Amino acid sequence: MQRTTHRRRLLARPVVVSLAAAVALTATSCAKSEDDAAGADTSSASNADAEQKVASPAPGGKTCTIDAYGAEKLDLKDATVGFSQSEKEANPFRIAETQSIKDEARKRGVKLLTANAQSQFSKQISDVQDLLAKGADLLVIAPLNSDGWDPVLQAAAAKKVPIVTIDRKINATACKDYVSFIASDFVEQGRRAADQMIEATGGKGEVAILLGSAGNNVTTERTKGFKDRIAEKAPELKVVFEQTGDFAREKGQQVTEQLIQSKPGIKGIYAENDEMGLGAVAALKGAGKKAGEVKIVTVDGTRNAVQGVVDGWISGVIESNPRFGPLAFQTLETFTQGEEVAQDIVIEDGAYDEANAQSDIGKAY
């Protein structure tokens, strides 16, 4: 594991698909997406150096093949792919994620069906069932919650439709209920956020955590990584406040306003996504605090958060890259051709701090 001094210089890198038997991404062609406007914004794919890179797979990592999964080979160009987005696209992460999927479908000439659950889990379940009813041959799902997916998994299994999940994990069996899970290492993100917080605060004082929404692995793992690293490296840095901000800016601001009242001496705030962190900035400004008076570390890598680093309000941002399109479609293509893919595909994320935020803000989303 690299030290913090090295991590602060880690930037988002060009996409390299490190999957077994992966091939180069196909050339641009005319898309067949049912619901994409021809002139849609493709900014999420404009910076190749900002796209996802797969971390080196762990030796002996589990893989999946179409034979083991029980599906049938098909040509991705002739298939219909269904994409289920979980949250309202007010969050820049979700906007970039959906756009990346649409851009890659257009690039490959793949018919794409999309649905947005608008942050309602019951709607997401019905959305995916509807995608199956409309003839989706393959599914890419960004789950809202980790549990409660049995109706979808059963319906997909009945039609032998492979599923790739991105960003958040479904609590189910890989290579049985779904093919692969593509995401960042959320525990490692928490560790790296702790490293930045330790550096910003000097490793002493009281800090707060703005928790993400309950019911998914992202919140649990980002919290674990942060707390474990603090306990290991900075026992004099005490977590004295934890409350959910539901990954939302407004809620993050409300919770921070309560925090300032109950813990006026708070030295740092770890926000488990940028939107909550930006809400915290708004609350601190409203309370008359100065930039940098309370150290804030966030996770995501949105342009507004990186600008917050430039302006001195945020000490550091750990990237969580949302540009899943190329990697998700490459995984589907490799799998549907009968070759093995990893069950867990981990993305290598970058980071921003005062040393690189100004020069690399163009890589943010």
Foldseek 3Di string as FASTA:
>chain_A
DDALVVQQPFAQAAADQPWVPFDDQDAFDAAAEPPDDPPDDLLLPPDRGLDWYFDPDDPPFDWAFLVLQVAAFDAQLPFEEEEEAEADPPDPLSVSLVSLQVVSNRRSRGYYHYDYQHNDQVSSQVSLVVVVVVHGQEYEYAHSAQDDNVVNLVSCVVVRYAYEYEAWHHPDDDSHSHPAYEWAQLLVQLQSLLSLVCVLQVLADEEEEAFADPRTPNRVNSVNSNVVNSVVPRVRYHHDYYDYQNLAQCSLLVVLLVVCVVPVRHAEYEYAAVSSVNSNLVNCVVVVHDQSSHEYEYEAQALVSLVSQCVRNYAKYWHTRSSCNVNVVSQVNCRSNGHMTGRYTHTDTGMHGNVCSVPPSSSGD
